[in-house]
PDB file of N, CA and C in Angstrom:
ATOM      1  N   MET A   1     -16.544 -31.481 -12.280  1.00  0.00           N
ATOM      2  CA  MET A   1     -16.533 -30.160 -11.545  1.00  0.00           C
ATOM      3  C   MET A   1     -15.278 -29.810 -11.028  1.00  0.00           C
ATOM      4  N   PRO A   2     -14.639 -28.427 -11.183  1.00  0.00           N
ATOM      5  CA  PRO A   2     -13.471 -28.270 -10.512  1.00  0.00           C
ATOM      6  C   PRO A   2     -13.607 -28.015  -8.958  1.00  0.00           C
ATOM      7  N   LYS A   3     -12.435 -28.340  -8.392  1.00  0.00           N
ATOM      8  CA  LYS A   3     -12.451 -27.877  -6.790  1.00  0.00           C
ATOM      9  C   LYS A   3     -12.319 -26.442  -6.289  1.00  0.00           C
ATOM     10  N   ARG A   4     -13.529 -26.149  -5.575  1.00  0.00           N
ATOM     11  CA  ARG A   4     -13.816 -24.884  -5.071  1.00  0.00           C
ATOM     12  C   ARG A   4     -12.707 -24.817  -4.075  1.00  0.00           C
ATOM     13  N   SER A   5     -12.080 -23.194  -4.191  1.00  0.00           N
ATOM     14  CA  SER A   5     -11.145 -22.577  -2.836  1.00  0.00           C
ATOM     15  C   SER A   5     -12.044 -22.402  -1.727  1.00  0.00           C
ATOM     16  N   ASN A   6     -11.182 -22.712  -0.692  1.00  0.00           N
ATOM     17  CA  ASN A   6     -12.131 -22.518   0.768  1.00  0.00           C
ATOM     18  C   ASN A   6     -11.573 -21.143   0.909  1.00  0.00           C
ATOM     19  N   PRO A   7     -12.447 -19.884   0.991  1.00  0.00           N
ATOM     20  CA  PRO A   7     -11.872 -18.782   1.194  1.00  0.00           C
ATOM     21  C   PRO A   7     -11.559 -18.659   3.094  1.00  0.00           C
ATOM     22  N   MET A   8     -12.174 -19.101   3.752  1.00  0.00           N
ATOM     23  CA  MET A   8     -11.752 -19.405   5.073  1.00  0.00           C
ATOM     24  C   MET A   8     -10.793 -19.936   5.429  1.00  0.00           C
ATOM     25  N   ALA A   9      -9.957 -20.442   4.415  1.00  0.00           N
ATOM     26  CA  ALA A   9      -8.167 -20.892   4.698  1.00  0.00           C
ATOM     27  C   ALA A   9      -7.384 -19.912   4.853  1.00  0.00           C
ATOM     28  N   VAL A  10      -7.954 -18.836   4.110  1.00  0.00           N
ATOM     29  CA  VAL A  10      -6.892 -17.542   4.015  1.00  0.00           C
ATOM     30  C   VAL A  10      -6.912 -16.794   5.642  1.00  0.00           C
ATOM     31  N   SER A  11      -5.674 -16.584   5.999  1.00  0.00           N
ATOM     32  CA  SER A  11      -5.737 -15.723   6.787  1.00  0.00           C
ATOM     33  C   SER A  11      -6.024 -14.124   6.618  1.00  0.00           C
ATOM     34  N   LYS A  12      -6.877 -13.133   7.252  1.00  0.00           N
ATOM     35  CA  LYS A  12      -7.157 -11.902   6.524  1.00  0.00           C
ATOM     36  C   LYS A  12      -5.963 -10.801   7.026  1.00  0.00           C
ATOM     37  N   ALA A  13      -5.159 -11.210   8.036  1.00  0.00           N
ATOM     38  CA  ALA A  13      -4.214 -10.607   8.439  1.00  0.00           C
ATOM     39  C   ALA A  13      -2.798 -10.818   8.078  1.00  0.00           C
ATOM     40  N   LEU A  14      -2.772 -11.750   7.105  1.00  0.00           N
ATOM     41  CA  LEU A  14      -1.346 -12.041   6.462  1.00  0.00           C
ATOM     42  C   LEU A  14      -1.433 -11.669   5.119  1.00  0.00           C
ATOM     43  N   THR A  15      -0.071 -11.243   4.603  1.00  0.00           N
ATOM     44  CA  THR A  15      -0.079 -11.241   2.974  1.00  0.00           C
ATOM     45  C   THR A  15       0.430 -12.514   2.323  1.00  0.00           C
ATOM     46  N   TYR A  16       0.375 -12.911   0.915  1.00  0.00           N
ATOM     47  CA  TYR A  16       0.836 -14.097   0.955  1.00  0.00           C
ATOM     48  C   TYR A  16       1.653 -13.724  -0.582  1.00  0.00           C
ATOM     49  N   THR A  17       2.590 -14.689  -0.776  1.00  0.00           N
ATOM     50  CA  THR A  17       3.055 -14.817  -2.467  1.00  0.00           C
ATOM     51  C   THR A  17       2.311 -15.309  -3.271  1.00  0.00           C
ATOM     52  N   VAL A  18       2.225 -15.592  -4.442  1.00  0.00           N
ATOM     53  CA  VAL A  18       1.516 -16.513  -5.459  1.00  0.00           C
ATOM     54  C   VAL A  18       1.969 -17.979  -5.080  1.00  0.00           C
ATOM     55  N   GLU A  19       2.817 -18.280  -4.758  1.00  0.00           N
ATOM     56  CA  GLU A  19       3.383 -19.747  -4.297  1.00  0.00           C
ATOM     57  C   GLU A  19       2.483 -20.178  -3.011  1.00  0.00           C
ATOM     58  N   GLU A  20       2.872 -19.302  -1.919  1.00  0.00           N
ATOM     59  CA  GLU A  20       2.093 -19.249  -0.496  1.00  0.00           C
ATOM     60  C   GLU A  20       0.743 -19.568  -0.856  1.00  0.00           C
ATOM     61  N   ALA A  21       0.119 -18.193  -1.434  1.00  0.00           N
ATOM     62  CA  ALA A  21      -1.270 -18.595  -1.960  1.00  0.00           C
ATOM     63  C   ALA A  21      -1.841 -19.864  -2.148  1.00  0.00           C
ATOM     64  N   ALA A  22      -1.114 -20.223  -3.397  1.00  0.00           N
ATOM     65  CA  ALA A  22      -1.393 -21.622  -4.143  1.00  0.00           C
ATOM     66  C   ALA A  22      -1.630 -22.878  -2.932  1.00  0.00           C
ATOM     67  N   THR A  23      -0.530 -22.674  -2.239  1.00  0.00           N
ATOM     68  CA  THR A  23      -0.281 -23.867  -1.402  1.00  0.00           C
ATOM     69  C   THR A  23      -1.461 -23.872   0.029  1.00  0.00           C
ATOM     70  N   THR A  24      -1.969 -22.404   0.375  1.00  0.00           N
ATOM     71  CA  THR A  24      -2.907 -22.342   1.588  1.00  0.00           C
ATOM     72  C   THR A  24      -4.262 -22.853   0.814  1.00  0.00           C
ATOM     73  N   LEU A  25      -4.345 -22.749  -0.488  1.00  0.00           N
ATOM     74  CA  LEU A  25      -5.471 -22.694  -0.915  1.00  0.00           C
ATOM     75  C   LEU A  25      -5.917 -24.255  -1.687  1.00  0.00           C
ATOM     76  N   GLY A  26      -4.671 -25.111  -1.544  1.00  0.00           N
ATOM     77  CA  GLY A  26      -4.754 -26.250  -2.490  1.00  0.00           C
ATOM     78  C   GLY A  26      -4.601 -26.155  -3.985  1.00  0.00           C
ATOM     79  N   VAL A  27      -4.185 -24.771  -4.325  1.00  0.00           N
ATOM     80  CA  VAL A  27      -4.288 -25.111  -5.806  1.00  0.00           C
ATOM     81  C   VAL A  27      -3.132 -24.887  -6.472  1.00  0.00           C
ATOM     82  N   THR A  28      -2.737 -24.755  -7.881  1.00  0.00           N
ATOM     83  CA  THR A  28      -1.728 -24.458  -8.486  1.00  0.00           C
ATOM     84  C   THR A  28      -1.368 -23.062  -8.580  1.00  0.00           C
ATOM     85  N   THR A  29      -0.140 -22.867  -8.780  1.00  0.00           N
ATOM     86  CA  THR A  29       0.227 -21.165  -8.765  1.00  0.00           C
ATOM     87  C   THR A  29      -0.422 -20.672 -10.303  1.00  0.00           C
ATOM     88  N   ALA A  30      -0.509 -21.572 -11.494  1.00  0.00           N
ATOM     89  CA  ALA A  30      -1.516 -21.027 -12.661  1.00  0.00           C
ATOM     90  C   ALA A  30      -3.024 -20.436 -12.359  1.00  0.00           C
ATOM     91  N   THR A  31      -3.243 -21.422 -11.078  1.00  0.00           N
ATOM     92  CA  THR A  31      -4.973 -20.848 -10.746  1.00  0.00           C
ATOM     93  C   THR A  31      -4.757 -19.142 -10.060  1.00  0.00           C
ATOM     94  N   ILE A  32      -3.914 -19.137  -9.086  1.00  0.00           N
ATOM     95  CA  ILE A  32      -3.738 -17.823  -8.537  1.00  0.00           C
ATOM     96  C   ILE A  32      -3.377 -16.870  -9.560  1.00  0.00           C
ATOM     97  N   ARG A  33      -2.636 -17.092 -10.844  1.00  0.00           N
ATOM     98  CA  ARG A  33      -2.532 -16.270 -11.752  1.00  0.00           C
ATOM     99  C   ARG A  33      -3.707 -15.819 -12.352  1.00  0.00           C
ATOM    100  N   ASN A  34      -4.378 -16.878 -12.528  1.00  0.00           N
ATOM    101  CA  ASN A  34      -5.652 -16.692 -13.487  1.00  0.00           C
ATOM    102  C   ASN A  34      -6.682 -15.948 -12.773  1.00  0.00           C
ATOM    103  N   TYR A  35      -6.731 -16.012 -11.499  1.00  0.00           N
ATOM    104  CA  TYR A  35      -7.337 -15.475 -10.189  1.00  0.00           C
ATOM    105  C   TYR A  35      -7.190 -13.559 -10.378  1.00  0.00           C
ATOM    106  N   VAL A  36      -5.486 -13.614 -10.744  1.00  0.00           N
ATOM    107  CA  VAL A  36      -5.111 -12.091 -10.721  1.00  0.00           C
ATOM    108  C   VAL A  36      -5.422 -11.359 -12.020  1.00  0.00           C
ATOM    109  N   LYS A  37      -5.494 -12.267 -13.278  1.00  0.00           N
ATOM    110  CA  LYS A  37      -6.101 -11.878 -14.348  1.00  0.00           C
ATOM    111  C   LYS A  37      -7.710 -11.739 -14.389  1.00  0.00           C
ATOM    112  N   ARG A  38      -8.278 -12.299 -13.451  1.00  0.00           N
ATOM    113  CA  ARG A  38     -10.042 -12.045 -13.260  1.00  0.00           C
ATOM    114  C   ARG A  38     -10.160 -11.043 -12.470  1.00  0.00           C
ATOM    115  N   GLY A  39      -9.037 -10.310 -11.700  1.00  0.00           N
ATOM    116  CA  GLY A  39      -9.269  -9.373 -10.871  1.00  0.00           C
ATOM    117  C   GLY A  39      -8.808  -9.369  -9.395  1.00  0.00           C
ATOM    118  N   LEU A  40      -8.049 -10.318  -9.013  1.00  0.00           N
ATOM    119  CA  LEU A  40      -7.444 -10.375  -7.696  1.00  0.00           C
ATOM    120  C   LEU A  40      -6.528  -9.437  -7.858  1.00  0.00           C
ATOM    121  N   PRO A  41      -6.475  -8.373  -6.640  1.00  0.00           N
ATOM    122  CA  PRO A  41      -5.505  -7.460  -6.676  1.00  0.00           C
ATOM    123  C   PRO A  41      -4.325  -7.845  -5.811  1.00  0.00           C
ATOM    124  N   ILE A  42      -2.986  -7.461  -6.541  1.00  0.00           N
ATOM    125  CA  ILE A  42      -1.769  -7.722  -6.177  1.00  0.00           C
ATOM    126  C   ILE A  42      -0.921  -6.473  -5.872  1.00  0.00           C
ATOM    127  N   MET A  43      -0.202  -6.475  -4.808  1.00  0.00           N
ATOM    128  CA  MET A  43       0.688  -5.372  -4.218  1.00  0.00           C
ATOM    129  C   MET A  43       2.434  -5.473  -5.262  1.00  0.00           C
ATOM    130  N   THR A  44       2.302  -4.798  -5.974  1.00  0.00           N
ATOM    131  CA  THR A  44       3.308  -4.800  -7.129  1.00  0.00           C
ATOM    132  C   THR A  44       4.533  -3.825  -6.522  1.00  0.00           C
ATOM    133  N   ALA A  45       4.362  -3.255  -5.842  1.00  0.00           N
ATOM    134  CA  ALA A  45       5.869  -2.173  -5.292  1.00  0.00           C
ATOM    135  C   ALA A  45       6.940  -2.706  -5.455  1.00  0.00           C
ATOM    136  N   GLN A  46       6.936  -4.068  -4.696  1.00  0.00           N
ATOM    137  CA  GLN A  46       8.571  -4.883  -4.849  1.00  0.00           C
ATOM    138  C   GLN A  46       7.977  -6.139  -5.131  1.00  0.00           C
ATOM    139  N   ARG A  47       9.207  -7.095  -5.725  1.00  0.00           N
ATOM    140  CA  ARG A  47       8.935  -8.267  -5.785  1.00  0.00           C
ATOM    141  C   ARG A  47       9.659  -9.185  -4.362  1.00  0.00           C
ATOM    142  N   PRO A  48       8.839 -10.224  -4.090  1.00  0.00           N
ATOM    143  CA  PRO A  48       7.907 -10.994  -4.774  1.00  0.00           C
ATOM    144  C   PRO A  48       6.941 -10.131  -4.701  1.00  0.00           C
ATOM    145  N   TYR A  49       5.600 -10.160  -5.494  1.00  0.00           N
ATOM    146  CA  TYR A  49       4.614  -9.772  -5.567  1.00  0.00           C
ATOM    147  C   TYR A  49       3.585 -10.495  -4.486  1.00  0.00           C
ATOM    148  N   LEU A  50       2.928  -9.508  -3.703  1.00  0.00           N
ATOM    149  CA  LEU A  50       2.092 -10.092  -2.703  1.00  0.00           C
ATOM    150  C   LEU A  50       0.913  -9.746  -2.930  1.00  0.00           C
ATOM    151  N   ILE A  51      -0.114 -10.785  -2.329  1.00  0.00           N
ATOM    152  CA  ILE A  51      -1.483 -10.813  -2.052  1.00  0.00           C
ATOM    153  C   ILE A  51      -2.010 -10.681  -1.025  1.00  0.00           C
ATOM    154  N   SER A  52      -2.892  -9.678  -0.472  1.00  0.00           N
ATOM    155  CA  SER A  52      -3.470  -9.364   0.768  1.00  0.00           C
ATOM    156  C   SER A  52      -4.331 -10.620   1.065  1.00  0.00           C
ATOM    157  N   GLY A  53      -4.358 -11.169   2.043  1.00  0.00           N
ATOM    158  CA  GLY A  53      -5.214 -12.165   2.670  1.00  0.00           C
ATOM    159  C   GLY A  53      -6.749 -11.904   2.471  1.00  0.00           C
ATOM    160  N   GLU A  54      -6.767 -10.573   3.126  1.00  0.00           N
ATOM    161  CA  GLU A  54      -8.518 -10.043   3.369  1.00  0.00           C
ATOM    162  C   GLU A  54      -8.820  -9.549   2.051  1.00  0.00           C
ATOM    163  N   ALA A  55      -8.113  -9.196   1.066  1.00  0.00           N
ATOM    164  CA  ALA A  55      -8.342  -9.396  -0.424  1.00  0.00           C
ATOM    165  C   ALA A  55      -8.725 -10.729  -1.356  1.00  0.00           C
ATOM    166  N   MET A  56      -7.886 -11.480  -1.017  1.00  0.00           N
ATOM    167  CA  MET A  56      -7.909 -12.762  -1.465  1.00  0.00           C
ATOM    168  C   MET A  56      -9.308 -13.339  -1.180  1.00  0.00           C
ATOM    169  N   ARG A  57      -9.371 -13.529   0.334  1.00  0.00           N
ATOM    170  CA  ARG A  57     -10.804 -13.750   0.728  1.00  0.00           C
ATOM    171  C   ARG A  57     -11.730 -13.119   0.286  1.00  0.00           C
ATOM    172  N   GLU A  58     -11.737 -11.921   0.160  1.00  0.00           N
ATOM    173  CA  GLU A  58     -13.042 -11.040  -0.611  1.00  0.00           C
ATOM    174  C   GLU A  58     -13.094 -11.607  -1.969  1.00  0.00           C
ATOM    175  N   PHE A  59     -12.306 -11.691  -2.769  1.00  0.00           N
ATOM    176  CA  PHE A  59     -12.405 -12.203  -4.021  1.00  0.00           C
ATOM    177  C   PHE A  59     -12.385 -13.575  -4.074  1.00  0.00           C
ATOM    178  N   LEU A  60     -12.222 -14.400  -3.254  1.00  0.00           N
ATOM    179  CA  LEU A  60     -12.875 -15.553  -3.619  1.00  0.00           C
ATOM    180  C   LEU A  60     -14.382 -15.928  -3.258  1.00  0.00           C
ATOM    181  N   LEU A  61     -14.818 -15.326  -2.315  1.00  0.00           N
ATOM    182  CA  LEU A  61     -16.130 -15.095  -1.862  1.00  0.00           C
ATOM    183  C   LEU A  61     -17.182 -14.453  -3.071  1.00  0.00           C
ATOM    184  N   ASN A  62     -16.497 -13.164  -3.552  1.00  0.00           N
ATOM    185  CA  ASN A  62     -17.344 -12.585  -4.657  1.00  0.00           C
ATOM    186  C   ASN A  62     -17.313 -13.704  -6.041  1.00  0.00           C
ATOM    187  N   GLU A  63     -16.241 -14.322  -6.087  1.00  0.00           N
ATOM    188  CA  GLU A  63     -16.542 -15.507  -7.045  1.00  0.00           C
ATOM    189  C   GLU A  63     -17.401 -16.264  -6.903  1.00  0.00           C
ATOM    190  N   ARG A  64     -17.400 -16.859  -5.668  1.00  0.00           N
ATOM    191  CA  ARG A  64     -18.419 -17.662  -5.266  1.00  0.00           C
ATOM    192  C   ARG A  64     -19.850 -17.331  -5.488  1.00  0.00           C
ATOM    193  N   GLU A  65     -20.165 -16.121  -5.071  1.00  0.00           N
ATOM    194  CA  GLU A  65     -21.199 -15.297  -5.036  1.00  0.00           C
ATOM    195  C   GLU A  65     -21.926 -15.150  -6.734  1.00  0.00           C
ATOM    196  N   GLY A  66     -20.706 -15.221  -7.653  1.00  0.00           N
ATOM    197  CA  GLY A  66     -20.970 -14.768  -8.788  1.00  0.00           C
ATOM    198  C   GLY A  66     -21.373 -15.832  -9.618  1.00  0.00           C
ATOM    199  N   ARG A  67     -20.453 -17.084  -9.199  1.00  0.00           N
ATOM    200  CA  ARG A  67     -20.890 -18.334  -9.639  1.00  0.00           C
ATOM    201  C   ARG A  67     -22.147 -18.970  -9.581  1.00  0.00           C
ATOM    202  N   LEU A  68     -22.894 -18.586  -8.276  1.00  0.00           N
ATOM    203  CA  LEU A  68     -24.001 -19.324  -7.911  1.00  0.00           C
ATOM    204  C   LEU A  68     -25.011 -18.331  -8.376  1.00  0.00           C
ATOM    205  N   ALA A  69     -24.771 -17.072  -8.553  1.00  0.00           N
ATOM    206  CA  ALA A  69     -25.957 -16.032  -9.037  1.00  0.00           C
ATOM    207  C   ALA A  69     -25.890 -16.627 -10.501  1.00  0.00           C
ATOM    208  N   GLY A  70     -25.115 -16.746 -11.479  1.00  0.00           N
ATOM    209  CA  GLY A  70     -25.029 -17.277 -12.921  1.00  0.00           C
ATOM    210  C   GLY A  70     -25.490 -18.680 -13.186  1.00  0.00           C
ATOM    211  N   THR A  71     -25.209 -19.449 -12.149  1.00  0.00           N
ATOM    212  CA  THR A  71     -26.078 -20.649 -12.164  1.00  0.00           C
ATOM    213  C   THR A  71     -27.803 -20.356 -11.770  1.00  0.00           C
ATOM    214  N   SER A  72     -28.232 -19.689 -10.901  1.00  0.00           N
ATOM    215  CA  SER A  72     -29.791 -19.535 -10.862  1.00  0.00           C
ATOM    216  C   SER A  72     -30.118 -18.785 -12.011  1.00  0.00           C
ATOM    217  N   GLU A  73     -29.314 -17.757 -12.568  1.00  0.00           N
ATOM    218  CA  GLU A  73     -29.619 -17.313 -13.969  1.00  0.00           C
ATOM    219  C   GLU A  73     -30.230 -17.783 -14.709  1.00  0.00           C
ATOM    220  N   ALA A  74     -28.833 -18.760 -15.301  1.00  0.00           N
ATOM    221  CA  ALA A  74     -28.645 -19.774 -16.430  1.00  0.00           C
ATOM    222  C   ALA A  74     -30.097 -20.761 -15.919  1.00  0.00           C
ATOM    223  N   LEU A  75     -30.221 -21.318 -15.041  1.00  0.00           N
ATOM    224  CA  LEU A  75     -31.766 -21.885 -14.439  1.00  0.00           C
ATOM    225  C   LEU A  75     -32.720 -21.382 -15.357  1.00  0.00           C
ATOM    226  N   ALA A  76     -33.072 -20.331 -14.500  1.00  0.00           N
ATOM    227  CA  ALA A  76     -34.239 -19.319 -14.954  1.00  0.00           C
ATOM    228  C   ALA A  76     -34.401 -19.023 -16.404  1.00  0.00           C
ATOM    229  N   SER A  77     -33.372 -19.081 -17.000  1.00  0.00           N
ATOM    230  CA  SER A  77     -33.457 -18.529 -18.628  1.00  0.00           C
ATOM    231  C   SER A  77     -34.017 -20.065 -19.359  1.00  0.00           C
ATOM    232  N   SER A  78     -33.085 -21.224 -18.941  1.00  0.00           N
ATOM    233  CA  SER A  78     -33.411 -22.136 -19.398  1.00  0.00           C
ATOM    234  C   SER A  78     -34.712 -22.765 -19.374  1.00  0.00           C
ATOM    235  N   ARG A  79     -35.573 -22.394 -18.238  1.00  0.00           N
ATOM    236  CA  ARG A  79     -36.843 -22.888 -17.921  1.00  0.00           C
ATOM    237  C   ARG A  79     -37.665 -21.794 -18.856  1.00  0.00           C
ATOM    238  N   SER A  80     -37.278 -20.819 -18.804  1.00  0.00           N
ATOM    239  CA  SER A  80     -38.293 -19.743 -19.541  1.00  0.00           C
ATOM    240  C   SER A  80     -38.149 -20.122 -21.045  1.00  0.00           C
ATOM    241  N   ILE A  81     -37.015 -20.481 -21.414  1.00  0.00           N
ATOM    242  CA  ILE A  81     -36.767 -20.955 -23.145  1.00  0.00           C
ATOM    243  C   ILE A  81     -37.775 -22.322 -23.183  1.00  0.00           C
ATOM    244  N   GLN A  82     -37.713 -23.212 -21.987  1.00  0.00           N
ATOM    245  CA  GLN A  82     -38.334 -24.540 -22.158  1.00  0.00           C
ATOM    246  C   GLN A  82     -39.922 -23.792 -22.121  1.00  0.00           C
ATOM    247  N   ALA A  83     -40.493 -23.282 -21.575  1.00  0.00           N
ATOM    248  CA  ALA A  83     -41.713 -22.664 -21.382  1.00  0.00           C
ATOM    249  C   ALA A  83     -42.577 -22.230 -22.766  1.00  0.00           C
ATOM    250  N   ALA A  84     -41.254 -21.596 -23.363  1.00  0.00           N
ATOM    251  CA  ALA A  84     -41.756 -20.885 -24.226  1.00  0.00           C
ATOM    252  C   ALA A  84     -41.937 -21.818 -25.487  1.00  0.00           C
ATOM    253  N   ARG A  85     -41.213 -22.969 -25.578  1.00  0.00           N
ATOM    254  CA  ARG A  85     -41.344 -24.264 -26.558  1.00  0.00           C
ATOM    255  C   ARG A  85     -42.734 -25.052 -26.350  1.00  0.00           C
ATOM    256  N   CYS A  86     -42.782 -24.750 -25.205  1.00  0.00           N
ATOM    257  CA  CYS A  86     -44.025 -25.889 -24.936  1.00  0.00           C
ATOM    258  C   CYS A  86     -45.412 -25.206 -25.371  1.00  0.00           C
ATOM    259  N   VAL A  87     -45.837 -26.159 -26.396  1.00  0.00           N
ATOM    260  CA  VAL A  87     -46.974 -25.508 -27.119  1.00  0.00           C
ATOM    261  C   VAL A  87     -48.407 -26.327 -26.754  1.00  0.00           C
ATOM    262  N   CYS A  88     -48.972 -26.057 -25.629  1.00  0.00           N
ATOM    263  CA  CYS A  88     -49.986 -26.936 -24.925  1.00  0.00           C
ATOM    264  C   CYS A  88     -51.408 -26.653 -25.732  1.00  0.00           C
TER     265      CYS A  88
END
């Protein structure tokens, strides 16, 4: 199971470069770039690109909620499939 990033490690009042965000969360820069591809907003007006701490925390919390919701939906779906297969 992959390591989960702790959203509370991010300060809402700061902005982070990709490298700083990776260090803060204990993940690689590739992980942060994957977050950006999945919808983490970044500020691209100048280089280096910056990530708002507030946006990063919100993104991580939403990712966690989505993952948990997806797990419960998958579990409910598998239970209904198993119930449908049961010929009692």
